[in-house]
PDB file of N, CA and C in Angstrom:
ATOM      1  N   UNK A   1     -61.437  -9.267 -13.983  1.00  0.00           N
ATOM      2  CA  UNK A   1     -60.925  -9.759 -13.906  1.00  0.00           C
ATOM      3  C   UNK A   1     -61.048 -10.538 -15.788  1.00  0.00           C
ATOM      4  N   UNK A   2     -61.703 -11.717 -15.029  1.00  0.00           N
ATOM      5  CA  UNK A   2     -62.025 -12.555 -16.734  1.00  0.00           C
ATOM      6  C   UNK A   2     -62.918 -11.684 -17.775  1.00  0.00           C
ATOM      7  N   UNK A   3     -63.220 -10.767 -17.684  1.00  0.00           N
ATOM      8  CA  UNK A   3     -63.755  -9.264 -18.257  1.00  0.00           C
ATOM      9  C   UNK A   3     -62.581  -8.979 -19.303  1.00  0.00           C
ATOM     10  N   UNK A   4     -61.472  -8.739 -19.164  1.00  0.00           N
ATOM     11  CA  UNK A   4     -59.964  -8.342 -20.078  1.00  0.00           C
ATOM     12  C   UNK A   4     -59.908  -9.479 -20.023  1.00  0.00           C
ATOM     13  N   UNK A   5     -59.319 -10.336 -19.825  1.00  0.00           N
ATOM     14  CA  UNK A   5     -58.877 -12.292 -20.260  1.00  0.00           C
ATOM     15  C   UNK A   5     -59.734 -12.266 -21.886  1.00  0.00           C
ATOM     16  N   UNK A   6     -60.993 -12.471 -21.566  1.00  0.00           N
ATOM     17  CA  UNK A   6     -61.986 -12.391 -22.590  1.00  0.00           C
ATOM     18  C   UNK A   6     -61.742 -11.354 -23.870  1.00  0.00           C
ATOM     19  N   UNK A   7     -61.760 -10.054 -23.258  1.00  0.00           N
ATOM     20  CA  UNK A   7     -61.181  -8.962 -24.178  1.00  0.00           C
ATOM     21  C   UNK A   7     -59.903  -8.691 -25.423  1.00  0.00           C
ATOM     22  N   UNK A   8     -59.089  -9.905 -24.023  1.00  0.00           N
ATOM     23  CA  UNK A   8     -57.757  -9.652 -24.423  1.00  0.00           C
ATOM     24  C   UNK A   8     -57.144 -10.548 -25.837  1.00  0.00           C
ATOM     25  N   UNK A   9     -58.313 -11.648 -24.792  1.00  0.00           N
ATOM     26  CA  UNK A   9     -58.373 -12.530 -26.723  1.00  0.00           C
ATOM     27  C   UNK A   9     -59.725 -12.743 -27.719  1.00  0.00           C
ATOM     28  N   UNK A  10     -59.993 -11.714 -27.860  1.00  0.00           N
ATOM     29  CA  UNK A  10     -60.524 -11.771 -28.943  1.00  0.00           C
ATOM     30  C   UNK A  10     -60.098 -10.350 -29.713  1.00  0.00           C
ATOM     31  N   UNK A  11     -59.388  -9.531 -28.860  1.00  0.00           N
ATOM     32  CA  UNK A  11     -58.002  -8.404 -29.829  1.00  0.00           C
ATOM     33  C   UNK A  11     -57.273  -9.435 -30.356  1.00  0.00           C
ATOM     34  N   UNK A  12     -56.600 -10.922 -30.092  1.00  0.00           N
ATOM     35  CA  UNK A  12     -56.100 -10.960 -30.239  1.00  0.00           C
ATOM     36  C   UNK A  12     -56.468 -11.915 -31.748  1.00  0.00           C
ATOM     37  N   UNK A  13     -56.677 -12.768 -31.355  1.00  0.00           N
ATOM     38  CA  UNK A  13     -57.884 -13.368 -32.655  1.00  0.00           C
ATOM     39  C   UNK A  13     -58.580 -12.194 -33.537  1.00  0.00           C
ATOM     40  N   UNK A  14     -59.009 -10.905 -33.002  1.00  0.00           N
ATOM     41  CA  UNK A  14     -59.011  -9.968 -34.588  1.00  0.00           C
ATOM     42  C   UNK A  14     -57.799 -10.105 -35.079  1.00  0.00           C
ATOM     43  N   UNK A  15     -57.046  -9.568 -34.162  1.00  0.00           N
ATOM     44  CA  UNK A  15     -55.502  -8.720 -34.915  1.00  0.00           C
ATOM     45  C   UNK A  15     -54.632 -10.037 -36.148  1.00  0.00           C
ATOM     46  N   UNK A  16     -55.215 -11.615 -35.497  1.00  0.00           N
ATOM     47  CA  UNK A  16     -54.113 -12.178 -35.964  1.00  0.00           C
ATOM     48  C   UNK A  16     -55.284 -12.608 -37.371  1.00  0.00           C
ATOM     49  N   UNK A  17     -56.285 -12.670 -37.886  1.00  0.00           N
ATOM     50  CA  UNK A  17     -57.545 -12.229 -38.515  1.00  0.00           C
ATOM     51  C   UNK A  17     -56.871 -11.540 -39.813  1.00  0.00           C
ATOM     52  N   UNK A  18     -57.269 -10.273 -38.885  1.00  0.00           N
ATOM     53  CA  UNK A  18     -56.492  -8.764 -40.278  1.00  0.00           C
ATOM     54  C   UNK A  18     -55.392  -9.257 -40.505  1.00  0.00           C
ATOM     55  N   UNK A  19     -54.742  -9.864 -39.453  1.00  0.00           N
ATOM     56  CA  UNK A  19     -53.330 -10.768 -40.357  1.00  0.00           C
ATOM     57  C   UNK A  19     -53.443 -10.571 -41.163  1.00  0.00           C
ATOM     58  N   UNK A  20     -54.284 -12.115 -41.606  1.00  0.00           N
ATOM     59  CA  UNK A  20     -54.878 -13.217 -42.470  1.00  0.00           C
ATOM     60  C   UNK A  20     -54.921 -13.242 -43.972  1.00  0.00           C
ATOM     61  N   UNK A  21     -56.236 -11.461 -43.224  1.00  0.00           N
ATOM     62  CA  UNK A  21     -56.642 -11.209 -44.296  1.00  0.00           C
ATOM     63  C   UNK A  21     -55.644 -10.397 -45.290  1.00  0.00           C
ATOM     64  N   UNK A  22     -54.731  -9.674 -45.144  1.00  0.00           N
ATOM     65  CA  UNK A  22     -53.838  -8.749 -45.376  1.00  0.00           C
ATOM     66  C   UNK A  22     -52.875  -9.040 -46.284  1.00  0.00           C
ATOM     67  N   UNK A  23     -52.845 -11.102 -45.605  1.00  0.00           N
ATOM     68  CA  UNK A  23     -51.664 -11.601 -46.196  1.00  0.00           C
ATOM     69  C   UNK A  23     -52.707 -11.812 -47.131  1.00  0.00           C
ATOM     70  N   UNK A  24     -53.887 -12.170 -47.443  1.00  0.00           N
ATOM     71  CA  UNK A  24     -53.924 -12.988 -47.977  1.00  0.00           C
ATOM     72  C   UNK A  24     -54.350 -12.075 -49.380  1.00  0.00           C
ATOM     73  N   UNK A  25     -55.249 -11.202 -48.966  1.00  0.00           N
ATOM     74  CA  UNK A  25     -55.371 -10.098 -50.252  1.00  0.00           C
ATOM     75  C   UNK A  25     -54.011  -9.641 -51.072  1.00  0.00           C
ATOM     76  N   UNK A  26     -52.878  -9.755 -50.544  1.00  0.00           N
ATOM     77  CA  UNK A  26     -51.989  -9.736 -51.331  1.00  0.00           C
ATOM     78  C   UNK A  26     -51.204 -10.814 -52.754  1.00  0.00           C
ATOM     79  N   UNK A  27     -51.757 -12.181 -51.421  1.00  0.00           N
ATOM     80  CA  UNK A  27     -51.772 -13.569 -52.099  1.00  0.00           C
ATOM     81  C   UNK A  27     -52.760 -13.353 -53.511  1.00  0.00           C
ATOM     82  N   UNK A  28     -53.596 -13.195 -53.507  1.00  0.00           N
ATOM     83  CA  UNK A  28     -55.090 -13.410 -54.422  1.00  0.00           C
ATOM     84  C   UNK A  28     -54.990 -12.114 -54.678  1.00  0.00           C
ATOM     85  N   UNK A  29     -53.667 -11.234 -55.248  1.00  0.00           N
ATOM     86  CA  UNK A  29     -53.408 -10.871 -56.264  1.00  0.00           C
ATOM     87  C   UNK A  29     -53.252 -11.479 -57.391  1.00  0.00           C
ATOM     88  N   UNK A  30     -52.164 -11.761 -56.906  1.00  0.00           N
ATOM     89  CA  UNK A  30     -51.246 -12.464 -57.552  1.00  0.00           C
ATOM     90  C   UNK A  30     -51.458 -13.863 -58.414  1.00  0.00           C
ATOM     91  N   UNK A  31     -52.474 -14.846 -57.313  1.00  0.00           N
ATOM     92  CA  UNK A  31     -53.348 -15.703 -58.064  1.00  0.00           C
ATOM     93  C   UNK A  31     -54.827 -15.660 -57.024  1.00  0.00           C
ATOM     94  N   UNK A  32     -55.796 -16.588 -57.924  1.00  0.00           N
ATOM     95  CA  UNK A  32     -56.863 -15.957 -58.212  1.00  0.00           C
ATOM     96  C   UNK A  32     -57.130 -17.877 -57.409  1.00  0.00           C
ATOM     97  N   UNK A  33     -56.718 -18.117 -55.851  1.00  0.00           N
ATOM     98  CA  UNK A  33     -56.681 -18.667 -55.368  1.00  0.00           C
ATOM     99  C   UNK A  33     -58.494 -18.823 -54.303  1.00  0.00           C
ATOM    100  N   UNK A  34     -58.679 -19.448 -53.476  1.00  0.00           N
ATOM    101  CA  UNK A  34     -60.014 -19.609 -52.389  1.00  0.00           C
ATOM    102  C   UNK A  34     -59.725 -17.429 -52.112  1.00  0.00           C
ATOM    103  N   UNK A  35     -60.723 -17.129 -51.322  1.00  0.00           N
ATOM    104  CA  UNK A  35     -60.311 -16.108 -50.198  1.00  0.00           C
ATOM    105  C   UNK A  35     -60.122 -15.986 -48.989  1.00  0.00           C
ATOM    106  N   UNK A  36     -59.984 -15.755 -48.030  1.00  0.00           N
ATOM    107  CA  UNK A  36     -60.077 -15.362 -46.763  1.00  0.00           C
ATOM    108  C   UNK A  36     -61.543 -14.762 -46.166  1.00  0.00           C
ATOM    109  N   UNK A  37     -61.838 -16.085 -45.473  1.00  0.00           N
ATOM    110  CA  UNK A  37     -63.477 -16.031 -44.142  1.00  0.00           C
ATOM    111  C   UNK A  37     -63.022 -15.598 -43.024  1.00  0.00           C
ATOM    112  N   UNK A  38     -63.446 -13.819 -43.210  1.00  0.00           N
ATOM    113  CA  UNK A  38     -62.817 -13.531 -41.870  1.00  0.00           C
ATOM    114  C   UNK A  38     -63.906 -14.598 -40.719  1.00  0.00           C
ATOM    115  N   UNK A  39     -65.517 -14.511 -41.450  1.00  0.00           N
ATOM    116  CA  UNK A  39     -66.141 -14.657 -40.559  1.00  0.00           C
ATOM    117  C   UNK A  39     -65.828 -16.656 -39.902  1.00  0.00           C
ATOM    118  N   UNK A  40     -65.429 -17.216 -40.776  1.00  0.00           N
ATOM    119  CA  UNK A  40     -65.676 -18.078 -39.923  1.00  0.00           C
ATOM    120  C   UNK A  40     -64.254 -18.367 -39.158  1.00  0.00           C
ATOM    121  N   UNK A  41     -63.743 -17.118 -38.686  1.00  0.00           N
ATOM    122  CA  UNK A  41     -62.665 -17.438 -37.661  1.00  0.00           C
ATOM    123  C   UNK A  41     -63.137 -16.713 -36.690  1.00  0.00           C
ATOM    124  N   UNK A  42     -63.614 -16.240 -37.307  1.00  0.00           N
ATOM    125  CA  UNK A  42     -65.344 -14.863 -36.381  1.00  0.00           C
ATOM    126  C   UNK A  42     -65.385 -15.949 -35.222  1.00  0.00           C
ATOM    127  N   UNK A  43     -66.021 -16.910 -35.682  1.00  0.00           N
ATOM    128  CA  UNK A  43     -66.906 -17.807 -35.294  1.00  0.00           C
ATOM    129  C   UNK A  43     -66.155 -19.229 -34.201  1.00  0.00           C
ATOM    130  N   UNK A  44     -64.944 -19.094 -35.322  1.00  0.00           N
ATOM    131  CA  UNK A  44     -63.661 -19.857 -34.639  1.00  0.00           C
ATOM    132  C   UNK A  44     -63.206 -19.380 -33.259  1.00  0.00           C
ATOM    133  N   UNK A  45     -62.868 -18.316 -32.735  1.00  0.00           N
ATOM    134  CA  UNK A  45     -62.472 -17.665 -32.312  1.00  0.00           C
ATOM    135  C   UNK A  45     -63.770 -17.588 -30.347  1.00  0.00           C
ATOM    136  N   UNK A  46     -64.383 -17.279 -31.182  1.00  0.00           N
ATOM    137  CA  UNK A  46     -65.450 -17.721 -30.142  1.00  0.00           C
ATOM    138  C   UNK A  46     -66.081 -18.818 -29.647  1.00  0.00           C
ATOM    139  N   UNK A  47     -65.703 -19.462 -30.575  1.00  0.00           N
ATOM    140  CA  UNK A  47     -65.734 -21.115 -30.127  1.00  0.00           C
ATOM    141  C   UNK A  47     -65.034 -21.785 -29.195  1.00  0.00           C
ATOM    142  N   UNK A  48     -63.437 -20.866 -29.595  1.00  0.00           N
ATOM    143  CA  UNK A  48     -62.670 -21.476 -28.487  1.00  0.00           C
ATOM    144  C   UNK A  48     -62.612 -20.692 -26.925  1.00  0.00           C
ATOM    145  N   UNK A  49     -63.023 -19.544 -27.012  1.00  0.00           N
ATOM    146  CA  UNK A  49     -63.332 -18.917 -25.794  1.00  0.00           C
ATOM    147  C   UNK A  49     -64.552 -19.947 -25.134  1.00  0.00           C
ATOM    148  N   UNK A  50     -65.625 -19.938 -25.560  1.00  0.00           N
ATOM    149  CA  UNK A  50     -66.248 -21.327 -24.742  1.00  0.00           C
ATOM    150  C   UNK A  50     -65.544 -22.317 -24.387  1.00  0.00           C
ATOM    151  N   UNK A  51     -65.139 -22.763 -24.845  1.00  0.00           N
ATOM    152  CA  UNK A  51     -64.298 -24.087 -24.756  1.00  0.00           C
ATOM    153  C   UNK A  51     -63.434 -24.208 -23.679  1.00  0.00           C
ATOM    154  N   UNK A  52     -62.702 -22.606 -23.039  1.00  0.00           N
ATOM    155  CA  UNK A  52     -62.459 -22.570 -22.894  1.00  0.00           C
ATOM    156  C   UNK A  52     -62.272 -22.101 -20.984  1.00  0.00           C
ATOM    157  N   UNK A  53     -63.844 -21.202 -21.402  1.00  0.00           N
ATOM    158  CA  UNK A  53     -64.864 -21.078 -20.196  1.00  0.00           C
ATOM    159  C   UNK A  53     -64.794 -22.725 -19.959  1.00  0.00           C
ATOM    160  N   UNK A  54     -65.960 -23.343 -21.159  1.00  0.00           N
ATOM    161  CA  UNK A  54     -66.338 -24.513 -20.776  1.00  0.00           C
ATOM    162  C   UNK A  54     -65.338 -25.253 -19.835  1.00  0.00           C
ATOM    163  N   UNK A  55     -63.839 -25.700 -20.206  1.00  0.00           N
ATOM    164  CA  UNK A  55     -62.454 -26.147 -19.074  1.00  0.00           C
ATOM    165  C   UNK A  55     -62.154 -25.883 -18.622  1.00  0.00           C
ATOM    166  N   UNK A  56     -62.711 -24.064 -17.947  1.00  0.00           N
ATOM    167  CA  UNK A  56     -62.386 -23.991 -16.901  1.00  0.00           C
ATOM    168  C   UNK A  56     -62.664 -24.694 -15.533  1.00  0.00           C
ATOM    169  N   UNK A  57     -64.365 -24.322 -16.259  1.00  0.00           N
ATOM    170  CA  UNK A  57     -65.403 -25.061 -14.638  1.00  0.00           C
ATOM    171  C   UNK A  57     -64.787 -26.335 -14.621  1.00  0.00           C
ATOM    172  N   UNK A  58     -64.196 -26.661 -15.740  1.00  0.00           N
ATOM    173  CA  UNK A  58     -65.004 -28.198 -15.255  1.00  0.00           C
ATOM    174  C   UNK A  58     -63.718 -28.772 -14.877  1.00  0.00           C
ATOM    175  N   UNK A  59     -62.445 -28.241 -14.366  1.00  0.00           N
ATOM    176  CA  UNK A  59     -61.202 -28.244 -13.692  1.00  0.00           C
ATOM    177  C   UNK A  59     -61.438 -27.252 -12.177  1.00  0.00           C
ATOM    178  N   UNK A  60     -62.630 -26.420 -12.139  1.00  0.00           N
ATOM    179  CA  UNK A  60     -62.763 -26.176 -11.008  1.00  0.00           C
ATOM    180  C   UNK A  60     -63.757 -26.772 -10.044  1.00  0.00           C
ATOM    181  N   UNK A  61     -64.344 -27.533 -10.740  1.00  0.00           N
ATOM    182  CA  UNK A  61     -65.341 -28.109 -10.283  1.00  0.00           C
ATOM    183  C   UNK A  61     -64.712 -29.432  -9.740  1.00  0.00           C
ATOM    184  N   UNK A  62     -63.460 -30.729 -10.640  1.00  0.00           N
ATOM    185  CA  UNK A  62     -62.688 -31.034 -10.013  1.00  0.00           C
ATOM    186  C   UNK A  62     -61.995 -31.398  -8.711  1.00  0.00           C
ATOM    187  N   UNK A  63     -61.086 -29.307  -8.791  1.00  0.00           N
ATOM    188  CA  UNK A  63     -60.585 -28.876  -7.862  1.00  0.00           C
ATOM    189  C   UNK A  63     -61.334 -29.275  -6.289  1.00  0.00           C
ATOM    190  N   UNK A  64     -62.941 -28.413  -6.612  1.00  0.00           N
ATOM    191  CA  UNK A  64     -63.251 -29.049  -5.539  1.00  0.00           C
ATOM    192  C   UNK A  64     -63.480 -30.053  -5.188  1.00  0.00           C
ATOM    193  N   UNK A  65     -63.724 -31.099  -5.997  1.00  0.00           N
ATOM    194  CA  UNK A  65     -64.423 -32.276  -5.265  1.00  0.00           C
ATOM    195  C   UNK A  65     -62.967 -33.597  -4.669  1.00  0.00           C
ATOM    196  N   UNK A  66     -61.381 -33.143  -5.375  1.00  0.00           N
ATOM    197  CA  UNK A  66     -60.180 -33.740  -4.751  1.00  0.00           C
ATOM    198  C   UNK A  66     -60.223 -32.859  -3.284  1.00  0.00           C
ATOM    199  N   UNK A  67     -60.723 -31.339  -3.572  1.00  0.00           N
ATOM    200  CA  UNK A  67     -60.988 -30.202  -2.023  1.00  0.00           C
ATOM    201  C   UNK A  67     -61.259 -30.916  -0.529  1.00  0.00           C
ATOM    202  N   UNK A  68     -62.739 -31.010  -1.418  1.00  0.00           N
ATOM    203  CA  UNK A  68     -63.844 -31.757  -0.158  1.00  0.00           C
ATOM    204  C   UNK A  68     -63.369 -33.697   0.106  1.00  0.00           C
ATOM    205  N   UNK A  69     -62.975 -34.240  -1.242  1.00  0.00           N
ATOM    206  CA  UNK A  69     -62.788 -35.465  -0.647  1.00  0.00           C
ATOM    207  C   UNK A  69     -61.115 -35.695   0.583  1.00  0.00           C
ATOM    208  N   UNK A  70     -60.412 -34.786   1.409  1.00  0.00           N
ATOM    209  CA  UNK A  70     -59.515 -35.113   1.712  1.00  0.00           C
ATOM    210  C   UNK A  70     -60.063 -34.387   3.156  1.00  0.00           C
ATOM    211  N   UNK A  71     -61.145 -33.855   3.517  1.00  0.00           N
ATOM    212  CA  UNK A  71     -62.199 -33.987   4.647  1.00  0.00           C
ATOM    213  C   UNK A  71     -63.165 -33.737   4.356  1.00  0.00           C
ATOM    214  N   UNK A  72     -63.575 -35.381   4.206  1.00  0.00           N
ATOM    215  CA  UNK A  72     -64.470 -35.911   3.864  1.00  0.00           C
ATOM    216  C   UNK A  72     -65.366 -35.249   5.364  1.00  0.00           C
ATOM    217  N   UNK A  73     -67.251 -35.344   5.648  1.00  0.00           N
ATOM    218  CA  UNK A  73     -68.267 -34.764   6.434  1.00  0.00           C
ATOM    219  C   UNK A  73     -68.262 -35.450   6.738  1.00  0.00           C
ATOM    220  N   UNK A  74     -68.167 -35.619   8.892  1.00  0.00           N
ATOM    221  CA  UNK A  74     -68.826 -36.348   9.371  1.00  0.00           C
ATOM    222  C   UNK A  74     -70.202 -35.541  10.186  1.00  0.00           C
ATOM    223  N   UNK A  75     -71.287 -36.613  10.235  1.00  0.00           N
ATOM    224  CA  UNK A  75     -72.468 -36.099  10.879  1.00  0.00           C
ATOM    225  C   UNK A  75     -72.468 -35.253  12.085  1.00  0.00           C
ATOM    226  N   UNK A  76     -72.675 -34.280  12.453  1.00  0.00           N
ATOM    227  CA  UNK A  76     -72.955 -34.275  13.997  1.00  0.00           C
ATOM    228  C   UNK A  76     -73.664 -35.395  15.085  1.00  0.00           C
ATOM    229  N   UNK A  77     -74.869 -35.431  15.049  1.00  0.00           N
ATOM    230  CA  UNK A  77     -75.822 -36.158  14.694  1.00  0.00           C
ATOM    231  C   UNK A  77     -75.997 -37.375  13.743  1.00  0.00           C
ATOM    232  N   UNK A  78     -75.351 -38.667  13.796  1.00  0.00           N
ATOM    233  CA  UNK A  78     -75.457 -39.695  13.241  1.00  0.00           C
ATOM    234  C   UNK A  78     -77.284 -40.294  13.764  1.00  0.00           C
ATOM    235  N   UNK A  79     -77.924 -40.390  12.203  1.00  0.00           N
ATOM    236  CA  UNK A  79     -78.995 -40.807  12.631  1.00  0.00           C
ATOM    237  C   UNK A  79     -78.847 -42.844  12.526  1.00  0.00           C
ATOM    238  N   UNK A  80     -79.177 -43.707  14.133  1.00  0.00           N
ATOM    239  CA  UNK A  80     -78.470 -44.634  14.604  1.00  0.00           C
ATOM    240  C   UNK A  80     -80.078 -45.361  14.152  1.00  0.00           C
ATOM    241  N   UNK A  81     -79.480 -46.443  13.837  1.00  0.00           N
ATOM    242  CA  UNK A  81     -80.894 -47.501  13.823  1.00  0.00           C
ATOM    243  C   UNK A  81     -81.310 -48.356  15.407  1.00  0.00           C
ATOM    244  N   UNK A  82     -82.470 -48.816  14.992  1.00  0.00           N
ATOM    245  CA  UNK A  82     -82.336 -49.312  16.775  1.00  0.00           C
ATOM    246  C   UNK A  82     -82.520 -51.209  16.530  1.00  0.00           C
TER     247      UNK A  82
END
């Protein structure tokens, strides 16, 4: 499931990058502005995937802490001081 989501995101980023490349080449033929950098958008896509994974892990950890706080742990044999 997760691999499917990552592959889908890579496909979407790649398709947007290729659309921008074709649009940029059309515009550079008319005027001599800066060219499109596909490598930059590829790195940006990987960075977005990395941040999404990090935020997913952070959210999962917060969810686990909240669940554990609702049901505190009670020891079966607590240590008693004399």
